[in-house]
Amino acid sequence: MQEDDLQNTLAWLSRVQGIKLDADEVADPADAAARLGQLAQEESRHLPFESEPSQFVKLLHDLAPKDLSDD
């Protein structure tokens, strides 16, 4: 990866994705994947994966136009 490409990638990750990585992590795809996996794991700790999706489905149903409802 050229230096300009690397700097552009780092800037894009920071600006668009909100991910701060150093040049070495981006230059080596295995390191980048490991760090991004770690970031995703850290961010997902607060998500309620153990709960039933029924509340989400109910919300979608409540938001759906009434003429599309299956009631």
N, C-alpha and C. Protein backbone atom coordinates (compact mmCIF):
# COMPACT_ATOMS: atom_id res chain seq x y z
N MET A 1 0.85 -1.17 0.00
CA MET A 1 0.00 0.00 0.00
C MET A 1 0.90 1.24 0.00
N GLN A 2 0.62 2.15 -0.89
CA GLN A 2 1.38 3.40 -0.96
C GLN A 2 1.07 4.26 0.27
N GLU A 3 2.00 5.14 0.62
CA GLU A 3 1.83 5.99 1.81
C GLU A 3 0.58 6.86 1.69
N ASP A 4 0.32 7.43 0.50
CA ASP A 4 -0.87 8.26 0.32
C ASP A 4 -2.14 7.43 0.53
N ASP A 5 -2.14 6.22 -0.01
CA ASP A 5 -3.30 5.33 0.17
C ASP A 5 -3.52 5.02 1.65
N LEU A 6 -2.44 4.76 2.33
CA LEU A 6 -2.52 4.44 3.75
C LEU A 6 -3.08 5.62 4.54
N GLN A 7 -2.59 6.80 4.28
CA GLN A 7 -3.08 7.98 4.99
C GLN A 7 -4.55 8.27 4.65
N ASN A 8 -4.92 8.08 3.39
CA ASN A 8 -6.32 8.27 3.00
C ASN A 8 -7.23 7.25 3.68
N THR A 9 -6.75 6.02 3.79
CA THR A 9 -7.53 4.97 4.45
C THR A 9 -7.70 5.29 5.92
N LEU A 10 -6.63 5.71 6.57
CA LEU A 10 -6.71 6.08 7.99
C LEU A 10 -7.68 7.24 8.21
N ALA A 11 -7.62 8.23 7.34
CA ALA A 11 -8.51 9.38 7.45
C ALA A 11 -9.96 8.97 7.24
N TRP A 12 -10.21 8.10 6.26
CA TRP A 12 -11.57 7.64 5.99
C TRP A 12 -12.11 6.83 7.16
N LEU A 13 -11.31 5.91 7.69
CA LEU A 13 -11.75 5.12 8.84
C LEU A 13 -12.11 6.01 10.02
N SER A 14 -11.31 7.02 10.25
CA SER A 14 -11.56 7.92 11.36
C SER A 14 -12.80 8.78 11.13
N ARG A 15 -12.89 9.39 9.96
CA ARG A 15 -13.97 10.33 9.67
C ARG A 15 -15.31 9.65 9.46
N VAL A 16 -15.32 8.60 8.68
CA VAL A 16 -16.59 7.97 8.28
C VAL A 16 -17.02 6.87 9.24
N GLN A 17 -16.07 6.05 9.68
CA GLN A 17 -16.41 4.91 10.51
C GLN A 17 -16.21 5.18 12.01
N GLY A 18 -15.47 6.24 12.34
CA GLY A 18 -15.20 6.53 13.75
C GLY A 18 -14.23 5.54 14.36
N ILE A 19 -13.38 4.93 13.54
CA ILE A 19 -12.42 3.93 14.00
C ILE A 19 -11.02 4.52 13.93
N LYS A 20 -10.34 4.48 15.05
CA LYS A 20 -8.98 5.00 15.13
C LYS A 20 -8.01 3.82 15.12
N LEU A 21 -7.27 3.67 14.04
CA LEU A 21 -6.24 2.66 13.93
C LEU A 21 -4.93 3.34 13.59
N ASP A 22 -3.83 2.68 13.89
CA ASP A 22 -2.55 3.25 13.48
C ASP A 22 -2.15 2.65 12.13
N ALA A 23 -1.14 3.24 11.53
CA ALA A 23 -0.74 2.86 10.17
C ALA A 23 -0.33 1.40 10.08
N ASP A 24 0.33 0.87 11.10
CA ASP A 24 0.76 -0.53 11.08
C ASP A 24 -0.43 -1.49 11.05
N GLU A 25 -1.50 -1.15 11.78
CA GLU A 25 -2.68 -2.01 11.80
C GLU A 25 -3.37 -2.05 10.44
N VAL A 26 -3.35 -0.94 9.74
CA VAL A 26 -4.00 -0.89 8.42
C VAL A 26 -3.12 -1.50 7.35
N ALA A 27 -1.81 -1.34 7.47
CA ALA A 27 -0.89 -1.86 6.46
C ALA A 27 -0.87 -3.38 6.45
N ASP A 28 -1.12 -4.02 7.60
CA ASP A 28 -1.14 -5.47 7.70
C ASP A 28 -2.59 -5.92 7.90
N PRO A 29 -3.22 -6.51 6.88
CA PRO A 29 -4.63 -6.88 6.97
C PRO A 29 -4.97 -7.78 8.16
N ALA A 30 -4.08 -8.68 8.53
CA ALA A 30 -4.35 -9.56 9.67
C ALA A 30 -4.43 -8.75 10.96
N ASP A 31 -3.53 -7.79 11.12
CA ASP A 31 -3.59 -6.94 12.31
C ASP A 31 -4.85 -6.08 12.31
N ALA A 32 -5.20 -5.55 11.15
CA ALA A 32 -6.40 -4.73 11.04
C ALA A 32 -7.64 -5.54 11.39
N ALA A 33 -7.73 -6.75 10.87
CA ALA A 33 -8.89 -7.60 11.16
C ALA A 33 -8.97 -7.93 12.64
N ALA A 34 -7.84 -8.20 13.25
CA ALA A 34 -7.83 -8.51 14.68
C ALA A 34 -8.29 -7.31 15.50
N ARG A 35 -7.79 -6.13 15.16
CA ARG A 35 -8.17 -4.92 15.90
C ARG A 35 -9.64 -4.57 15.67
N LEU A 36 -10.11 -4.67 14.44
CA LEU A 36 -11.52 -4.37 14.17
C LEU A 36 -12.43 -5.37 14.87
N GLY A 37 -12.02 -6.63 14.91
CA GLY A 37 -12.80 -7.63 15.65
C GLY A 37 -12.87 -7.29 17.12
N GLN A 38 -11.75 -6.85 17.68
CA GLN A 38 -11.71 -6.45 19.08
C GLN A 38 -12.62 -5.24 19.33
N LEU A 39 -12.58 -4.26 18.43
CA LEU A 39 -13.44 -3.09 18.57
C LEU A 39 -14.92 -3.48 18.50
N ALA A 40 -15.27 -4.36 17.57
CA ALA A 40 -16.66 -4.81 17.45
C ALA A 40 -17.10 -5.54 18.70
N GLN A 41 -16.25 -6.37 19.26
CA GLN A 41 -16.58 -7.10 20.48
C GLN A 41 -16.79 -6.12 21.64
N GLU A 42 -15.93 -5.14 21.77
CA GLU A 42 -16.07 -4.15 22.83
C GLU A 42 -17.37 -3.37 22.70
N GLU A 43 -17.69 -2.96 21.48
CA GLU A 43 -18.89 -2.17 21.25
C GLU A 43 -20.17 -2.98 21.43
N SER A 44 -20.10 -4.27 21.18
CA SER A 44 -21.31 -5.10 21.25
C SER A 44 -21.64 -5.59 22.65
N ARG A 45 -20.77 -5.33 23.60
CA ARG A 45 -21.02 -5.80 24.98
C ARG A 45 -22.29 -5.22 25.58
N HIS A 46 -22.71 -4.06 25.12
CA HIS A 46 -23.87 -3.41 25.70
C HIS A 46 -25.16 -3.73 24.95
N LEU A 47 -25.07 -4.53 23.92
CA LEU A 47 -26.26 -4.87 23.14
C LEU A 47 -26.98 -6.06 23.76
N PRO A 48 -28.30 -6.04 23.77
CA PRO A 48 -29.08 -7.10 24.42
C PRO A 48 -29.28 -8.33 23.53
N PHE A 49 -28.23 -9.08 23.27
CA PHE A 49 -28.34 -10.24 22.41
C PHE A 49 -29.15 -11.37 23.04
N GLU A 50 -29.25 -11.39 24.37
CA GLU A 50 -29.94 -12.47 25.05
C GLU A 50 -31.46 -12.32 25.02
N SER A 51 -31.95 -11.15 24.72
CA SER A 51 -33.40 -10.92 24.76
C SER A 51 -34.07 -11.42 23.49
N GLU A 52 -35.33 -11.71 23.63
CA GLU A 52 -36.13 -12.16 22.49
C GLU A 52 -36.29 -11.01 21.50
N PRO A 53 -36.39 -11.30 20.23
CA PRO A 53 -36.60 -10.23 19.25
C PRO A 53 -38.05 -9.74 19.21
N SER A 54 -38.91 -10.27 20.09
CA SER A 54 -40.33 -9.92 20.02
C SER A 54 -40.58 -8.43 20.17
N GLN A 55 -39.82 -7.74 21.00
CA GLN A 55 -40.03 -6.30 21.14
C GLN A 55 -39.69 -5.58 19.84
N PHE A 56 -38.65 -6.03 19.17
CA PHE A 56 -38.28 -5.44 17.89
C PHE A 56 -39.36 -5.71 16.85
N VAL A 57 -39.86 -6.93 16.80
CA VAL A 57 -40.91 -7.28 15.86
C VAL A 57 -42.17 -6.48 16.16
N LYS A 58 -42.50 -6.32 17.46
CA LYS A 58 -43.68 -5.52 17.84
C LYS A 58 -43.50 -4.07 17.37
N LEU A 59 -42.30 -3.52 17.55
CA LEU A 59 -42.05 -2.15 17.11
C LEU A 59 -42.23 -2.03 15.61
N LEU A 60 -41.69 -2.98 14.84
CA LEU A 60 -41.88 -2.95 13.39
C LEU A 60 -43.36 -3.03 13.03
N HIS A 61 -44.08 -3.89 13.72
CA HIS A 61 -45.51 -4.04 13.46
C HIS A 61 -46.25 -2.74 13.77
N ASP A 62 -45.89 -2.12 14.90
CA ASP A 62 -46.55 -0.85 15.28
C ASP A 62 -46.25 0.26 14.29
N LEU A 63 -45.07 0.24 13.68
CA LEU A 63 -44.69 1.29 12.74
C LEU A 63 -45.23 1.05 11.33
N ALA A 64 -45.63 -0.17 11.04
CA ALA A 64 -46.10 -0.50 9.69
C ALA A 64 -47.41 0.23 9.40
N PRO A 65 -47.61 0.64 8.16
CA PRO A 65 -48.89 1.25 7.79
C PRO A 65 -50.03 0.28 8.10
N LYS A 66 -51.12 0.81 8.58
CA LYS A 66 -52.23 -0.03 9.02
C LYS A 66 -52.80 -0.89 7.89
N ASP A 67 -52.75 -0.43 6.65
CA ASP A 67 -53.29 -1.22 5.55
C ASP A 67 -52.38 -2.41 5.21
N LEU A 68 -51.16 -2.43 5.75
CA LEU A 68 -50.27 -3.57 5.55
C LEU A 68 -50.30 -4.53 6.74
N SER A 69 -50.98 -4.13 7.80
CA SER A 69 -51.02 -4.95 8.99
C SER A 69 -51.84 -6.22 8.74
N ASP A 70 -51.45 -7.31 9.38
CA ASP A 70 -52.17 -8.55 9.20
C ASP A 70 -53.20 -8.78 10.31
N ASP A 71 -53.61 -7.72 10.99
CA ASP A 71 -54.65 -7.84 12.02
C ASP A 71 -56.02 -7.93 11.41
